[in-house]
Structures are given as C-alpha cells and as structure tokens.
C-alpha cells in the first residue's frame, strides 16, 4: 500500500478470532519501521476494527505491525513522494 509523504493517513485493521470480531475495547498496538504511528494502542470497536494514523517525512518501504491478544499481523507499506522536491537535469 502506498502512503503519501508528510500526509497523515488512517489505517484500520479488523481483528477476528475464529472468524468473529474480538471483544470491543481490545487493545491493539501498532508499530512501524519507518515514520510514526499516532493513536497506538488503539481499542477495537464492536466490529473488531482498530484505527491509527501513520505518517513519514522520508520515502521508502516500511513494515506496519499490529499486535494484540497474543497475535501479530504485519503489512508492507511504501511512503512515496507525490511531488518532486527537486529535479536534476543535464544538457546533452
């Protein structure tokens, strides 16, 4: 999944156990290998959804990890620039 640089982006995980949502209020801790996560730990709602915001000022790949209730899940994300900060050109 691509996430624009310097743009806080909402991420939601749906936590299921045996095909059913975990109990509302279950804490889910989020971490990332690049950038920041805001709102962690997040509490699940009645559907098992837990939501945080991720952002980064540097481009590149990252792993977003969610853990809670003895289980862990991860997803690769890519922080990408939506506009170039500069362009270098050489005459030929």
N, C-alpha and C. Protein backbone atom coordinates (compact mmCIF):
# COMPACT_ATOMS: atom_id res chain seq x y z
N UNK A 1 0.84 -1.18 0.00
CA UNK A 1 0.00 0.00 0.00
C UNK A 1 0.88 1.24 0.00
N UNK A 2 0.53 2.23 -0.78
CA UNK A 2 1.30 3.47 -0.84
C UNK A 2 0.69 4.52 0.07
N UNK A 3 1.57 5.22 0.77
CA UNK A 3 1.17 6.29 1.68
C UNK A 3 1.94 7.54 1.28
N UNK A 4 1.26 8.66 0.98
CA UNK A 4 1.96 9.88 0.58
C UNK A 4 2.82 10.43 1.73
N UNK A 5 3.99 10.96 1.36
CA UNK A 5 4.88 11.56 2.37
C UNK A 5 4.21 12.73 3.07
N UNK A 6 4.52 12.88 4.34
CA UNK A 6 4.08 14.01 5.17
C UNK A 6 2.57 14.20 5.17
N UNK A 7 1.84 13.11 4.93
CA UNK A 7 0.38 13.16 4.92
C UNK A 7 -0.15 12.11 5.89
N UNK A 8 -0.61 12.53 7.06
CA UNK A 8 -1.17 11.54 7.99
C UNK A 8 -2.28 10.74 7.32
N UNK A 9 -2.14 9.41 7.37
CA UNK A 9 -3.06 8.52 6.67
C UNK A 9 -3.64 7.51 7.65
N UNK A 10 -4.95 7.35 7.62
CA UNK A 10 -5.65 6.44 8.52
C UNK A 10 -5.47 5.00 8.06
N UNK A 11 -5.15 4.13 9.02
CA UNK A 11 -5.02 2.70 8.76
C UNK A 11 -5.91 1.97 9.76
N UNK A 12 -6.72 1.03 9.25
CA UNK A 12 -7.61 0.26 10.11
C UNK A 12 -7.34 -1.22 9.91
N UNK A 13 -7.24 -1.95 11.02
CA UNK A 13 -7.18 -3.41 10.95
C UNK A 13 -8.45 -3.97 11.55
N UNK A 14 -8.90 -5.08 11.02
CA UNK A 14 -10.06 -5.77 11.57
C UNK A 14 -9.54 -7.03 12.25
N UNK A 15 -9.70 -7.09 13.57
CA UNK A 15 -9.17 -8.19 14.35
C UNK A 15 -10.26 -9.23 14.55
N UNK A 16 -10.04 -10.43 14.00
CA UNK A 16 -11.00 -11.52 14.12
C UNK A 16 -10.35 -12.69 14.83
N UNK A 17 -11.15 -13.42 15.57
CA UNK A 17 -10.70 -14.64 16.23
C UNK A 17 -11.73 -15.72 15.94
N UNK A 18 -11.30 -16.79 15.29
CA UNK A 18 -12.21 -17.84 14.85
C UNK A 18 -13.32 -17.28 13.96
N UNK A 19 -12.97 -16.29 13.13
CA UNK A 19 -13.92 -15.70 12.20
C UNK A 19 -14.85 -14.67 12.80
N UNK A 20 -14.72 -14.39 14.10
CA UNK A 20 -15.58 -13.42 14.78
C UNK A 20 -14.75 -12.26 15.30
N UNK A 21 -15.33 -11.05 15.34
CA UNK A 21 -14.60 -9.90 15.89
C UNK A 21 -14.21 -10.15 17.35
N UNK A 22 -13.01 -9.68 17.72
CA UNK A 22 -12.62 -9.74 19.13
C UNK A 22 -13.52 -8.80 19.92
N UNK A 23 -13.51 -8.92 21.21
CA UNK A 23 -14.36 -8.09 22.07
C UNK A 23 -14.03 -6.61 21.88
N UNK A 24 -15.05 -5.78 21.85
CA UNK A 24 -14.85 -4.33 21.77
C UNK A 24 -13.99 -3.89 22.95
N UNK A 25 -13.08 -2.98 22.69
CA UNK A 25 -12.19 -2.48 23.73
C UNK A 25 -10.88 -3.25 23.85
N UNK A 26 -10.66 -4.23 22.98
CA UNK A 26 -9.39 -4.96 22.99
C UNK A 26 -8.28 -4.06 22.46
N UNK A 27 -7.18 -3.88 23.22
CA UNK A 27 -6.10 -3.01 22.75
C UNK A 27 -5.27 -3.67 21.65
N UNK A 28 -4.95 -2.90 20.62
CA UNK A 28 -4.08 -3.34 19.53
C UNK A 28 -2.94 -2.33 19.44
N UNK A 29 -1.71 -2.83 19.55
CA UNK A 29 -0.54 -1.97 19.49
C UNK A 29 0.03 -1.99 18.07
N UNK A 30 0.29 -0.82 17.53
CA UNK A 30 0.84 -0.67 16.19
C UNK A 30 2.25 -0.12 16.26
N UNK A 31 3.14 -0.64 15.41
CA UNK A 31 4.49 -0.09 15.26
C UNK A 31 4.81 -0.04 13.77
N UNK A 32 5.80 0.76 13.42
CA UNK A 32 6.26 0.83 12.04
C UNK A 32 7.78 0.95 12.02
N UNK A 33 8.38 0.45 10.96
CA UNK A 33 9.84 0.51 10.83
C UNK A 33 10.29 1.82 10.20
N UNK A 34 9.36 2.67 9.78
CA UNK A 34 9.67 4.00 9.23
C UNK A 34 8.52 4.93 9.60
N UNK A 35 8.84 6.15 9.96
CA UNK A 35 7.81 7.13 10.26
C UNK A 35 7.24 6.96 11.66
N UNK A 36 6.03 7.44 11.83
CA UNK A 36 5.39 7.42 13.15
C UNK A 36 3.97 6.87 13.06
N UNK A 37 3.53 6.34 14.20
CA UNK A 37 2.16 5.86 14.35
C UNK A 37 1.53 6.70 15.47
N UNK A 38 0.38 7.28 15.20
CA UNK A 38 -0.35 8.07 16.19
C UNK A 38 -1.62 7.32 16.58
N UNK A 39 -1.87 7.24 17.88
CA UNK A 39 -3.10 6.61 18.36
C UNK A 39 -2.93 5.17 18.81
N UNK A 40 -1.68 4.75 18.98
CA UNK A 40 -1.43 3.37 19.42
C UNK A 40 -1.09 3.36 20.91
N UNK A 41 -1.63 2.44 21.66
CA UNK A 41 -2.52 1.37 21.23
C UNK A 41 -3.92 1.90 20.94
N UNK A 42 -4.57 1.24 19.98
CA UNK A 42 -5.95 1.57 19.61
C UNK A 42 -6.87 0.49 20.14
N UNK A 43 -8.07 0.88 20.51
CA UNK A 43 -9.05 -0.08 21.02
C UNK A 43 -9.99 -0.51 19.90
N UNK A 44 -10.30 -1.79 19.85
CA UNK A 44 -11.22 -2.29 18.83
C UNK A 44 -12.65 -1.83 19.13
N UNK A 45 -13.43 -1.72 18.05
CA UNK A 45 -14.85 -1.43 18.21
C UNK A 45 -15.63 -2.75 18.13
N UNK A 46 -16.94 -2.68 18.05
CA UNK A 46 -17.77 -3.90 18.04
C UNK A 46 -17.52 -4.77 16.81
N UNK A 47 -16.99 -4.18 15.73
CA UNK A 47 -16.68 -4.95 14.53
C UNK A 47 -15.28 -5.53 14.55
N UNK A 48 -14.52 -5.21 15.61
CA UNK A 48 -13.13 -5.67 15.70
C UNK A 48 -12.15 -4.74 15.04
N UNK A 49 -12.61 -3.55 14.62
CA UNK A 49 -11.74 -2.59 13.95
C UNK A 49 -10.96 -1.74 14.94
N UNK A 50 -9.67 -1.56 14.66
CA UNK A 50 -8.82 -0.66 15.43
C UNK A 50 -8.13 0.26 14.43
N UNK A 51 -8.13 1.57 14.70
CA UNK A 51 -7.65 2.55 13.73
C UNK A 51 -6.57 3.44 14.33
N UNK A 52 -5.51 3.68 13.53
CA UNK A 52 -4.44 4.59 13.88
C UNK A 52 -4.12 5.45 12.66
N UNK A 53 -3.20 6.38 12.84
CA UNK A 53 -2.72 7.22 11.75
C UNK A 53 -1.22 7.01 11.59
N UNK A 54 -0.76 6.83 10.35
CA UNK A 54 0.67 6.69 10.07
C UNK A 54 1.13 7.85 9.20
N UNK A 55 2.40 8.23 9.36
CA UNK A 55 2.98 9.26 8.50
C UNK A 55 4.50 9.14 8.54
N UNK A 56 5.14 9.71 7.52
CA UNK A 56 6.60 9.73 7.45
C UNK A 56 7.04 10.91 6.61
N UNK A 57 8.20 11.47 6.95
CA UNK A 57 8.77 12.55 6.17
C UNK A 57 9.86 12.03 5.24
N UNK A 58 10.15 10.72 5.32
CA UNK A 58 11.16 10.13 4.43
C UNK A 58 10.52 9.02 3.61
N UNK A 59 10.90 8.96 2.34
CA UNK A 59 10.35 7.96 1.43
C UNK A 59 11.01 6.61 1.64
N UNK A 60 10.26 5.56 1.32
CA UNK A 60 10.81 4.21 1.37
C UNK A 60 9.83 3.23 1.94
N UNK A 61 10.24 1.98 1.93
CA UNK A 61 9.40 0.91 2.43
C UNK A 61 9.39 0.82 3.94
N UNK A 62 8.33 0.24 4.47
CA UNK A 62 8.20 0.05 5.91
C UNK A 62 7.29 -1.14 6.17
N UNK A 63 7.43 -1.70 7.34
CA UNK A 63 6.51 -2.73 7.81
C UNK A 63 5.64 -2.12 8.89
N UNK A 64 4.34 -2.23 8.74
CA UNK A 64 3.39 -1.80 9.75
C UNK A 64 2.94 -3.06 10.48
N UNK A 65 3.14 -3.07 11.79
CA UNK A 65 2.86 -4.26 12.59
C UNK A 65 1.76 -3.94 13.59
N UNK A 66 0.76 -4.83 13.68
CA UNK A 66 -0.31 -4.72 14.66
C UNK A 66 -0.27 -5.96 15.53
N UNK A 67 -0.33 -5.77 16.85
CA UNK A 67 -0.29 -6.93 17.75
C UNK A 67 -1.25 -6.71 18.91
N UNK A 68 -1.84 -7.82 19.33
CA UNK A 68 -2.76 -7.79 20.46
C UNK A 68 -3.36 -9.16 20.68
N UNK A 69 -3.70 -9.46 21.89
CA UNK A 69 -4.34 -10.73 22.20
C UNK A 69 -3.50 -11.94 21.85
N UNK A 70 -2.18 -11.79 21.89
CA UNK A 70 -1.30 -12.91 21.60
C UNK A 70 -1.06 -13.17 20.13
N UNK A 71 -1.57 -12.31 19.25
CA UNK A 71 -1.37 -12.48 17.81
C UNK A 71 -0.71 -11.24 17.22
N UNK A 72 -0.04 -11.42 16.09
CA UNK A 72 0.62 -10.32 15.40
C UNK A 72 0.36 -10.44 13.91
N UNK A 73 0.14 -9.29 13.28
CA UNK A 73 -0.04 -9.23 11.82
C UNK A 73 0.80 -8.08 11.30
N UNK A 74 1.30 -8.22 10.08
CA UNK A 74 2.06 -7.12 9.50
C UNK A 74 1.72 -6.91 8.04
N UNK A 75 1.97 -5.69 7.58
CA UNK A 75 1.69 -5.32 6.19
C UNK A 75 2.81 -4.41 5.72
N UNK A 76 3.30 -4.68 4.52
CA UNK A 76 4.29 -3.81 3.91
C UNK A 76 3.59 -2.57 3.36
N UNK A 77 4.17 -1.40 3.65
CA UNK A 77 3.66 -0.15 3.10
C UNK A 77 4.83 0.60 2.48
N UNK A 78 4.53 1.54 1.63
CA UNK A 78 5.56 2.33 0.95
C UNK A 78 5.20 3.80 1.08
N UNK A 79 6.09 4.56 1.74
CA UNK A 79 5.91 6.00 1.81
C UNK A 79 6.48 6.60 0.53
N UNK A 80 5.65 7.33 -0.21
CA UNK A 80 6.06 7.85 -1.51
C UNK A 80 5.84 9.35 -1.60
N UNK A 81 6.74 10.01 -2.38
CA UNK A 81 6.60 11.45 -2.63
C UNK A 81 5.55 11.64 -3.72
N UNK A 82 4.65 12.58 -3.49
CA UNK A 82 3.62 12.84 -4.50
C UNK A 82 4.07 13.95 -5.46
N UNK A 83 5.02 14.77 -5.02
CA UNK A 83 5.61 15.78 -5.88
C UNK A 83 7.11 15.77 -5.64
N UNK A 84 7.87 16.03 -6.67
CA UNK A 84 9.33 16.03 -6.55
C UNK A 84 9.80 17.25 -5.78
N UNK A 85 10.77 17.05 -4.88
CA UNK A 85 11.34 18.16 -4.14
C UNK A 85 12.30 18.93 -5.05
N UNK A 86 12.96 18.22 -5.96
CA UNK A 86 13.85 18.87 -6.93
C UNK A 86 14.08 17.92 -8.09
N UNK A 87 14.52 18.50 -9.20
CA UNK A 87 14.84 17.70 -10.38
C UNK A 87 16.21 18.15 -10.88
N UNK A 88 17.11 17.21 -11.07
CA UNK A 88 18.43 17.50 -11.64
C UNK A 88 18.40 17.09 -13.11
N UNK A 89 18.87 17.98 -13.96
CA UNK A 89 18.91 17.69 -15.40
C UNK A 89 20.27 18.08 -15.95
N UNK A 90 20.71 17.35 -16.95
CA UNK A 90 21.97 17.68 -17.64
C UNK A 90 21.68 17.83 -19.11
N UNK A 91 22.28 18.86 -19.69
CA UNK A 91 22.12 19.06 -21.14
C UNK A 91 22.93 18.01 -21.88
N UNK A 92 22.44 17.56 -23.01
CA UNK A 92 23.19 16.56 -23.78
C UNK A 92 23.56 17.09 -25.14
